[in-house]
Amino acid sequence: VGVAVGRGRTLESAAAKATALAVRDEVGSPTTPPDPS
């Protein structure tokens, strides 16, 4: 994410994309909704 920021992305944008990727991988697929509880 620091490299992405150094190349012009905002920290907020790059961190949000990386977090979304981690969460997507954690729940199994991009279409599997996270557990609301």
Full PDB file with SEQRES, HELIX, SHEET, SSBOND, CRYST1, ORIGX, SCALE, CONECT and MASTER records, all heavy atoms in Angstrom:
SEQRES   1 A   37  VAL GLY VAL ALA VAL GLY ARG GLY ARG THR LEU GLU SER          
SEQRES   2 A   37  ALA ALA ALA LYS ALA THR ALA LEU ALA VAL ARG ASP GLU          
SEQRES   3 A   37  VAL GLY SER PRO THR THR PRO PRO ASP PRO SER                  
HELIX    1 AA1 GLY A    2  GLY A    6  1                                   5    
HELIX    2 AA2 LEU A   11  VAL A   27  1                                  17    
CRYST1    1.000    1.000    1.000  90.00  90.00  90.00 P 1           1          
ORIGX1      1.000000  0.000000  0.000000        0.00000                         
ORIGX2      0.000000  1.000000  0.000000        0.00000                         
ORIGX3      0.000000  0.000000  1.000000        0.00000                         
SCALE1      1.000000  0.000000  0.000000        0.00000                         
SCALE2      0.000000  1.000000  0.000000        0.00000                         
SCALE3      0.000000  0.000000  1.000000        0.00000                         
ATOM      1  N   VAL A   1       0.845  -1.196   0.000  1.00  0.00           N  
ATOM      2  CA  VAL A   1       0.000   0.000   0.000  1.00  0.00           C  
ATOM      3  C   VAL A   1       0.882   1.249   0.000  1.00  0.00           C  
ATOM      4  O   VAL A   1       0.587   2.231  -0.689  1.00  0.00           O  
ATOM      5  CB  VAL A   1      -0.989  -0.024   1.183  1.00  0.00           C  
ATOM      6  CG1 VAL A   1      -1.618   1.342   1.421  1.00  0.00           C  
ATOM      7  CG2 VAL A   1      -2.073  -1.062   0.933  1.00  0.00           C  
ATOM      8  N   GLY A   2       1.982   1.217   0.734  1.00  0.00           N  
ATOM      9  CA  GLY A   2       2.918   2.338   0.725  1.00  0.00           C  
ATOM     10  C   GLY A   2       3.501   2.586  -0.658  1.00  0.00           C  
ATOM     11  O   GLY A   2       3.656   3.738  -1.081  1.00  0.00           O  
ATOM     12  N   VAL A   3       3.805   1.528  -1.380  1.00  0.00           N  
ATOM     13  CA  VAL A   3       4.290   1.672  -2.760  1.00  0.00           C  
ATOM     14  C   VAL A   3       3.207   2.319  -3.618  1.00  0.00           C  
ATOM     15  O   VAL A   3       3.483   3.237  -4.398  1.00  0.00           O  
ATOM     16  CB  VAL A   3       4.731   0.312  -3.340  1.00  0.00           C  
ATOM     17  CG1 VAL A   3       4.999   0.409  -4.838  1.00  0.00           C  
ATOM     18  CG2 VAL A   3       5.966  -0.206  -2.608  1.00  0.00           C  
ATOM     19  N   ALA A   4       1.967   1.856  -3.454  1.00  0.00           N  
ATOM     20  CA  ALA A   4       0.866   2.434  -4.228  1.00  0.00           C  
ATOM     21  C   ALA A   4       0.703   3.921  -3.919  1.00  0.00           C  
ATOM     22  O   ALA A   4       0.485   4.737  -4.820  1.00  0.00           O  
ATOM     23  CB  ALA A   4      -0.436   1.681  -3.941  1.00  0.00           C  
ATOM     24  N   VAL A   5       0.841   4.292  -2.653  1.00  0.00           N  
ATOM     25  CA  VAL A   5       0.750   5.708  -2.263  1.00  0.00           C  
ATOM     26  C   VAL A   5       1.908   6.478  -2.895  1.00  0.00           C  
ATOM     27  O   VAL A   5       1.719   7.585  -3.413  1.00  0.00           O  
ATOM     28  CB  VAL A   5       0.729   5.859  -0.727  1.00  0.00           C  
ATOM     29  CG1 VAL A   5       0.892   7.309  -0.316  1.00  0.00           C  
ATOM     30  CG2 VAL A   5      -0.560   5.270  -0.159  1.00  0.00           C  
ATOM     31  N   GLY A   6       3.085   5.896  -2.885  1.00  0.00           N  
ATOM     32  CA  GLY A   6       4.236   6.546  -3.502  1.00  0.00           C  
ATOM     33  C   GLY A   6       4.071   6.747  -4.997  1.00  0.00           C  
ATOM     34  O   GLY A   6       4.679   7.638  -5.591  1.00  0.00           O  
ATOM     35  N   ARG A   7       3.222   5.923  -5.600  1.00  0.00           N  
ATOM     36  CA  ARG A   7       2.970   6.036  -7.035  1.00  0.00           C  
ATOM     37  C   ARG A   7       1.722   6.843  -7.355  1.00  0.00           C  
ATOM     38  O   ARG A   7       1.270   6.847  -8.490  1.00  0.00           O  
ATOM     39  CB  ARG A   7       2.872   4.641  -7.655  1.00  0.00           C  
ATOM     40  CG  ARG A   7       4.212   3.931  -7.618  1.00  0.00           C  
ATOM     41  CD  ARG A   7       4.178   2.601  -8.294  1.00  0.00           C  
ATOM     42  NE  ARG A   7       5.509   2.001  -8.280  1.00  0.00           N  
ATOM     43  CZ  ARG A   7       5.765   0.804  -8.747  1.00  0.00           C  
ATOM     44  NH1 ARG A   7       4.802   0.060  -9.262  1.00  0.00           N  
ATOM     45  NH2 ARG A   7       6.997   0.333  -8.700  1.00  0.00           N  
ATOM     46  N   GLY A   8       1.152   7.497  -6.340  1.00  0.00           N  
ATOM     47  CA  GLY A   8       0.084   8.442  -6.606  1.00  0.00           C  
ATOM     48  C   GLY A   8      -1.288   8.143  -6.041  1.00  0.00           C  
ATOM     49  O   GLY A   8      -2.156   9.003  -6.079  1.00  0.00           O  
ATOM     50  N   ARG A   9      -1.537   6.959  -5.542  1.00  0.00           N  
ATOM     51  CA  ARG A   9      -2.838   6.680  -4.924  1.00  0.00           C  
ATOM     52  C   ARG A   9      -2.914   7.370  -3.568  1.00  0.00           C  
ATOM     53  O   ARG A   9      -1.896   7.610  -2.937  1.00  0.00           O  
ATOM     54  CB  ARG A   9      -3.033   5.183  -4.708  1.00  0.00           C  
ATOM     55  CG  ARG A   9      -3.338   4.426  -5.944  1.00  0.00           C  
ATOM     56  CD  ARG A   9      -3.899   3.065  -5.555  1.00  0.00           C  
ATOM     57  NE  ARG A   9      -4.124   2.271  -6.723  1.00  0.00           N  
ATOM     58  CZ  ARG A   9      -5.320   2.102  -7.272  1.00  0.00           C  
ATOM     59  NH1 ARG A   9      -6.380   2.643  -6.730  1.00  0.00           N  
ATOM     60  NH2 ARG A   9      -5.449   1.370  -8.351  1.00  0.00           N  
ATOM     61  N   THR A  10      -4.123   7.603  -3.111  1.00  0.00           N  
ATOM     62  CA  THR A  10      -4.265   8.110  -1.750  1.00  0.00           C  
ATOM     63  C   THR A  10      -4.160   6.922  -0.800  1.00  0.00           C  
ATOM     64  O   THR A  10      -4.469   5.783  -1.170  1.00  0.00           O  
ATOM     65  CB  THR A  10      -5.612   8.810  -1.533  1.00  0.00           C  
ATOM     66  OG1 THR A  10      -6.664   7.845  -1.649  1.00  0.00           O  
ATOM     67  CG2 THR A  10      -5.811   9.962  -2.507  1.00  0.00           C  
ATOM     68  N   LEU A  11      -3.736   7.187   0.404  1.00  0.00           N  
ATOM     69  CA  LEU A  11      -3.659   6.136   1.412  1.00  0.00           C  
ATOM     70  C   LEU A  11      -5.030   5.518   1.638  1.00  0.00           C  
ATOM     71  O   LEU A  11      -5.168   4.295   1.712  1.00  0.00           O  
ATOM     72  CB  LEU A  11      -3.097   6.682   2.726  1.00  0.00           C  
ATOM     73  CG  LEU A  11      -3.086   5.705   3.909  1.00  0.00           C  
ATOM     74  CD1 LEU A  11      -2.253   4.465   3.593  1.00  0.00           C  
ATOM     75  CD2 LEU A  11      -2.585   6.404   5.157  1.00  0.00           C  
ATOM     76  N   GLU A  12      -6.047   6.358   1.747  1.00  0.00           N  
ATOM     77  CA  GLU A  12      -7.398   5.866   1.996  1.00  0.00           C  
ATOM     78  C   GLU A  12      -7.855   4.916   0.904  1.00  0.00           C  
ATOM     79  O   GLU A  12      -8.412   3.847   1.178  1.00  0.00           O  
ATOM     80  CB  GLU A  12      -8.381   7.040   2.130  1.00  0.00           C  
ATOM     81  CG  GLU A  12      -8.140   7.903   3.343  1.00  0.00           C  
ATOM     82  CD  GLU A  12      -7.032   8.953   3.161  1.00  0.00           C  
ATOM     83  OE1 GLU A  12      -6.386   9.015   2.083  1.00  0.00           O  
ATOM     84  OE2 GLU A  12      -6.794   9.710   4.118  1.00  0.00           O  
ATOM     85  N   SER A  13      -7.633   5.281  -0.352  1.00  0.00           N  
ATOM     86  CA  SER A  13      -8.054   4.459  -1.483  1.00  0.00           C  
ATOM     87  C   SER A  13      -7.291   3.138  -1.534  1.00  0.00           C  
ATOM     88  O   SER A  13      -7.880   2.063  -1.694  1.00  0.00           O  
ATOM     89  CB  SER A  13      -7.845   5.231  -2.789  1.00  0.00           C  
ATOM     90  OG  SER A  13      -8.006   4.383  -3.908  1.00  0.00           O  
ATOM     91  N   ALA A  14      -5.981   3.211  -1.405  1.00  0.00           N  
ATOM     92  CA  ALA A  14      -5.161   1.996  -1.478  1.00  0.00           C  
ATOM     93  C   ALA A  14      -5.463   1.062  -0.306  1.00  0.00           C  
ATOM     94  O   ALA A  14      -5.580  -0.159  -0.486  1.00  0.00           O  
ATOM     95  CB  ALA A  14      -3.677   2.364  -1.496  1.00  0.00           C  
ATOM     96  N   ALA A  15      -5.614   1.608   0.897  1.00  0.00           N  
ATOM     97  CA  ALA A  15      -5.923   0.780   2.068  1.00  0.00           C  
ATOM     98  C   ALA A  15      -7.295   0.144   1.924  1.00  0.00           C  
ATOM     99  O   ALA A  15      -7.491  -1.028   2.265  1.00  0.00           O  
ATOM    100  CB  ALA A  15      -5.841   1.612   3.344  1.00  0.00           C  
ATOM    101  N   ALA A  16      -8.268   0.896   1.411  1.00  0.00           N  
ATOM    102  CA  ALA A  16      -9.617   0.351   1.226  1.00  0.00           C  
ATOM    103  C   ALA A  16      -9.608  -0.800   0.222  1.00  0.00           C  
ATOM    104  O   ALA A  16     -10.261  -1.828   0.439  1.00  0.00           O  
ATOM    105  CB  ALA A  16     -10.569   1.454   0.770  1.00  0.00           C  
ATOM    106  N   LYS A  17      -8.866  -0.646  -0.867  1.00  0.00           N  
ATOM    107  CA  LYS A  17      -8.788  -1.725  -1.864  1.00  0.00           C  
ATOM    108  C   LYS A  17      -8.130  -2.975  -1.280  1.00  0.00           C  
ATOM    109  O   LYS A  17      -8.595  -4.090  -1.495  1.00  0.00           O  
ATOM    110  CB  LYS A  17      -8.031  -1.259  -3.109  1.00  0.00           C  
ATOM    111  CG  LYS A  17      -8.832  -0.349  -4.000  1.00  0.00           C  
ATOM    112  CD  LYS A  17      -8.021   0.014  -5.233  1.00  0.00           C  
ATOM    113  CE  LYS A  17      -8.850   0.802  -6.204  1.00  0.00           C  
ATOM    114  NZ  LYS A  17      -9.686  -0.033  -7.044  1.00  0.00           N  
ATOM    115  N   ALA A  18      -7.050  -2.787  -0.538  1.00  0.00           N  
ATOM    116  CA  ALA A  18      -6.358  -3.932   0.060  1.00  0.00           C  
ATOM    117  C   ALA A  18      -7.226  -4.615   1.108  1.00  0.00           C  
ATOM    118  O   ALA A  18      -7.276  -5.846   1.188  1.00  0.00           O  
ATOM    119  CB  ALA A  18      -5.023  -3.493   0.659  1.00  0.00           C  
ATOM    120  N   THR A  19      -7.928  -3.823   1.919  1.00  0.00           N  
ATOM    121  CA  THR A  19      -8.820  -4.391   2.928  1.00  0.00           C  
ATOM    122  C   THR A  19      -9.957  -5.148   2.270  1.00  0.00           C  
ATOM    123  O   THR A  19     -10.304  -6.252   2.690  1.00  0.00           O  
ATOM    124  CB  THR A  19      -9.365  -3.290   3.861  1.00  0.00           C  
ATOM    125  OG1 THR A  19      -8.266  -2.696   4.544  1.00  0.00           O  
ATOM    126  CG2 THR A  19     -10.350  -3.843   4.870  1.00  0.00           C  
ATOM    127  N   ALA A  20     -10.539  -4.580   1.214  1.00  0.00           N  
ATOM    128  CA  ALA A  20     -11.625  -5.257   0.500  1.00  0.00           C  
ATOM    129  C   ALA A  20     -11.144  -6.587  -0.074  1.00  0.00           C  
ATOM    130  O   ALA A  20     -11.863  -7.591  -0.022  1.00  0.00           O  
ATOM    131  CB  ALA A  20     -12.170  -4.356  -0.607  1.00  0.00           C  
ATOM    132  N   LEU A  21      -9.937  -6.615  -0.584  1.00  0.00           N  
ATOM    133  CA  LEU A  21      -9.377  -7.857  -1.107  1.00  0.00           C  
ATOM    134  C   LEU A  21      -9.207  -8.885   0.002  1.00  0.00           C  
ATOM    135  O   LEU A  21      -9.576 -10.055  -0.153  1.00  0.00           O  
ATOM    136  CB  LEU A  21      -8.031  -7.578  -1.782  1.00  0.00           C  
ATOM    137  CG  LEU A  21      -7.307  -8.783  -2.367  1.00  0.00           C  
ATOM    138  CD1 LEU A  21      -8.132  -9.418  -3.481  1.00  0.00           C  
ATOM    139  CD2 LEU A  21      -5.941  -8.365  -2.878  1.00  0.00           C  
ATOM    140  N   ALA A  22      -8.690  -8.463   1.135  1.00  0.00           N  
ATOM    141  CA  ALA A  22      -8.500  -9.388   2.265  1.00  0.00           C  
ATOM    142  C   ALA A  22      -9.836  -9.917   2.757  1.00  0.00           C  
ATOM    143  O   ALA A  22      -9.982 -11.117   3.002  1.00  0.00           O  
ATOM    144  CB  ALA A  22      -7.759  -8.683   3.407  1.00  0.00           C  
ATOM    145  N   VAL A  23     -10.819  -9.050   2.888  1.00  0.00           N  
ATOM    146  CA  VAL A  23     -12.138  -9.473   3.370  1.00  0.00           C  
ATOM    147  C   VAL A  23     -12.787 -10.405   2.360  1.00  0.00           C  
ATOM    148  O   VAL A  23     -13.381 -11.422   2.730  1.00  0.00           O  
ATOM    149  CB  VAL A  23     -13.027  -8.246   3.660  1.00  0.00           C  
ATOM    150  CG1 VAL A  23     -14.452  -8.649   3.961  1.00  0.00           C  
ATOM    151  CG2 VAL A  23     -12.455  -7.452   4.814  1.00  0.00           C  
ATOM    152  N   ARG A  24     -12.676 -10.089   1.094  1.00  0.00           N  
ATOM    153  CA  ARG A  24     -13.251 -10.945   0.047  1.00  0.00           C  
ATOM    154  C   ARG A  24     -12.634 -12.335   0.106  1.00  0.00           C  
ATOM    155  O   ARG A  24     -13.331 -13.335   0.068  1.00  0.00           O  
ATOM    156  CB  ARG A  24     -13.019 -10.333  -1.329  1.00  0.00           C  
ATOM    157  CG  ARG A  24     -13.651 -11.174  -2.453  1.00  0.00           C  
ATOM    158  CD  ARG A  24     -13.286 -10.680  -3.809  1.00  0.00           C  
ATOM    159  NE  ARG A  24     -11.904 -11.081  -4.066  1.00  0.00           N  
ATOM    160  CZ  ARG A  24     -11.120 -10.497  -4.950  1.00  0.00           C  
ATOM    161  NH1 ARG A  24     -11.530  -9.456  -5.620  1.00  0.00           N  
ATOM    162  NH2 ARG A  24      -9.894 -10.928  -5.145  1.00  0.00           N  
ATOM    163  N   ASP A  25     -11.313 -12.392   0.249  1.00  0.00           N  
ATOM    164  CA  ASP A  25     -10.646 -13.686   0.322  1.00  0.00           C  
ATOM    165  C   ASP A  25     -11.011 -14.426   1.595  1.00  0.00           C  
ATOM    166  O   ASP A  25     -11.114 -15.641   1.607  1.00  0.00           O  
ATOM    167  CB  ASP A  25      -9.126 -13.518   0.235  1.00  0.00           C  
ATOM    168  CG  ASP A  25      -8.671 -13.154  -1.171  1.00  0.00           C  
ATOM    169  OD1 ASP A  25      -9.489 -13.239  -2.111  1.00  0.00           O  
ATOM    170  OD2 ASP A  25      -7.496 -12.785  -1.315  1.00  0.00           O  
ATOM    171  N   GLU A  26     -11.238 -13.694   2.685  1.00  0.00           N  
ATOM    172  CA  GLU A  26     -11.577 -14.330   3.958  1.00  0.00           C  
ATOM    173  C   GLU A  26     -12.942 -14.997   3.908  1.00  0.00           C  
ATOM    174  O   GLU A  26     -13.115 -16.099   4.405  1.00  0.00           O  
ATOM    175  CB  GLU A  26     -11.559 -13.307   5.089  1.00  0.00           C  
ATOM    176  CG  GLU A  26     -11.883 -13.933   6.435  1.00  0.00           C  
ATOM    177  CD  GLU A  26     -11.950 -12.918   7.543  1.00  0.00           C  
ATOM    178  OE1 GLU A  26     -12.546 -11.851   7.346  1.00  0.00           O  
ATOM    179  OE2 GLU A  26     -11.395 -13.202   8.612  1.00  0.00           O  
ATOM    180  N   VAL A  27     -13.932 -14.367   3.282  1.00  0.00           N  
ATOM    181  CA  VAL A  27     -15.264 -14.946   3.248  1.00  0.00           C  
ATOM    182  C   VAL A  27     -15.416 -15.961   2.132  1.00  0.00           C  
ATOM    183  O   VAL A  27     -16.420 -16.625   2.041  1.00  0.00           O  
ATOM    184  CB  VAL A  27     -16.380 -13.868   3.146  1.00  0.00           C  
ATOM    185  CG1 VAL A  27     -16.468 -13.065   4.410  1.00  0.00           C  
ATOM    186  CG2 VAL A  27     -16.216 -12.999   1.946  1.00  0.00           C  
ATOM    187  N   GLY A  28     -14.426 -16.095   1.278  1.00  0.00           N  
ATOM    188  CA  GLY A  28     -14.430 -17.164   0.302  1.00  0.00           C  
ATOM    189  C   GLY A  28     -14.612 -16.738  -1.130  1.00  0.00           C  
ATOM    190  O   GLY A  28     -14.073 -17.357  -2.018  1.00  0.00           O  
ATOM    191  N   SER A  29     -15.387 -15.710  -1.384  1.00  0.00           N  
ATOM    192  CA  SER A  29     -15.568 -15.245  -2.752  1.00  0.00           C  
ATOM    193  C   SER A  29     -16.161 -13.852  -2.724  1.00  0.00           C  
ATOM    194  O   SER A  29     -16.747 -13.442  -1.726  1.00  0.00           O  
ATOM    195  CB  SER A  29     -16.480 -16.194  -3.533  1.00  0.00           C  
ATOM    196  OG  SER A  29     -17.830 -15.982  -3.160  1.00  0.00           O  
ATOM    197  N   PRO A  30     -16.052 -13.140  -3.845  1.00  0.00           N  
ATOM    198  CA  PRO A  30     -16.583 -11.788  -3.852  1.00  0.00           C  
ATOM    199  C   PRO A  30     -18.103 -11.746  -3.736  1.00  0.00           C  
ATOM    200  O   PRO A  30     -18.672 -10.723  -3.425  1.00  0.00           O  
ATOM    201  CB  PRO A  30     -16.115 -11.202  -5.181  1.00  0.00           C  
ATOM    202  CG  PRO A  30     -15.568 -12.313  -5.973  1.00  0.00           C  
ATOM    203  CD  PRO A  30     -15.345 -13.473  -5.052  1.00  0.00           C  
ATOM    204  N   THR A  31     -18.794 -12.856  -3.962  1.00  0.00           N  
ATOM    205  CA  THR A  31     -20.251 -12.858  -3.906  1.00  0.00           C  
ATOM    206  C   THR A  31     -20.783 -13.383  -2.585  1.00  0.00           C  
ATOM    207  O   THR A  31     -21.975 -13.345  -2.349  1.00  0.00           O  
ATOM    208  CB  THR A  31     -20.827 -13.696  -5.055  1.00  0.00           C  
ATOM    209  OG1 THR A  31     -20.315 -15.026  -4.949  1.00  0.00           O  
ATOM    210  CG2 THR A  31     -20.463 -13.112  -6.398  1.00  0.00           C  
ATOM    211  N   THR A  32     -19.925 -13.895  -1.723  1.00  0.00           N  
ATOM    212  CA  THR A  32     -20.371 -14.396  -0.433  1.00  0.00           C  
ATOM    213  C   THR A  32     -20.446 -13.234   0.543  1.00  0.00           C  
ATOM    214  O   THR A  32     -19.437 -12.608   0.834  1.00  0.00           O  
ATOM    215  CB  THR A  32     -19.374 -15.447   0.124  1.00  0.00           C  
ATOM    216  OG1 THR A  32     -19.223 -16.479  -0.836  1.00  0.00           O  
ATOM    217  CG2 THR A  32     -19.874 -16.013   1.434  1.00  0.00           C  
ATOM    218  N   PRO A  33     -21.648 -12.941   1.063  1.00  0.00           N  
ATOM    219  CA  PRO A  33     -21.736 -11.814   1.993  1.00  0.00           C  
ATOM    220  C   PRO A  33     -21.090 -12.157   3.323  1.00  0.00           C  
ATOM    221  O   PRO A  33     -21.094 -13.303   3.743  1.00  0.00           O  
ATOM    222  CB  PRO A  33     -23.252 -11.599   2.148  1.00  0.00           C  
ATOM    223  CG  PRO A  33     -23.855 -12.911   1.810  1.00  0.00           C  
ATOM    224  CD  PRO A  33     -22.920 -13.572   0.830  1.00  0.00           C  
ATOM    225  N   PRO A  34     -20.529 -11.164   3.993  1.00  0.00           N  
ATOM    226  CA  PRO A  34     -19.939 -11.426   5.301  1.00  0.00           C  
ATOM    227  C   PRO A  34     -21.020 -11.739   6.321  1.00  0.00           C  
ATOM    228  O   PRO A  34     -22.179 -11.367   6.157  1.00  0.00           O  
ATOM    229  CB  PRO A  34     -19.213 -10.128   5.647  1.00  0.00           C  
ATOM    230  CG  PRO A  34     -19.836  -9.098   4.780  1.00  0.00           C  
ATOM    231  CD  PRO A  34     -20.376  -9.800   3.564  1.00  0.00           C  
ATOM    232  N   ASP A  35     -20.645 -12.426   7.378  1.00  0.00           N  
ATOM    233  CA  ASP A  35     -21.549 -12.761   8.472  1.00  0.00           C  
ATOM    234  C   ASP A  35     -21.949 -11.479   9.186  1.00  0.00           C  
ATOM    235  O   ASP A  35     -21.097 -10.787   9.740  1.00  0.00           O  
ATOM    236  CB  ASP A  35     -20.834 -13.720   9.434  1.00  0.00           C  
ATOM    237  CG  ASP A  35     -21.672 -14.097  10.635  1.00  0.00           C  
ATOM    238  OD1 ASP A  35     -22.834 -13.627  10.741  1.00  0.00           O  
ATOM    239  OD2 ASP A  35     -21.162 -14.865  11.462  1.00  0.00           O  
ATOM    240  N   PRO A  36     -23.246 -11.125   9.198  1.00  0.00           N  
ATOM    241  CA  PRO A  36     -23.646  -9.859   9.822  1.00  0.00           C  
ATOM    242  C   PRO A  36     -23.425  -9.832  11.333  1.00  0.00           C  
ATOM    243  O   PRO A  36     -23.354  -8.757  11.924  1.00  0.00           O  
ATOM    244  CB  PRO A  36     -25.133  -9.738   9.483  1.00  0.00           C  
ATOM    245  CG  PRO A  36     -25.571 -11.093   9.085  1.00  0.00           C  
ATOM    246  CD  PRO A  36     -24.359 -11.838   8.622  1.00  0.00           C  
ATOM    247  N   SER A  37     -23.297 -10.991  11.956  1.00  0.00           N  
ATOM    248  CA  SER A  37     -23.084 -10.999  13.402  1.00  0.00           C  
ATOM    249  C   SER A  37     -21.606 -10.857  13.765  1.00  0.00           C  
ATOM    250  O   SER A  37     -21.268 -10.645  14.919  1.00  0.00           O  
ATOM    251  CB  SER A  37     -23.627 -12.289  14.013  1.00  0.00           C  
ATOM    252  OG  SER A  37     -22.902 -13.402  13.535  1.00  0.00           O  
TER     253      SER A  37                                                      
MASTER        0    0    0    2    0    0    0    6  252    1    0    3          
END                                                                             
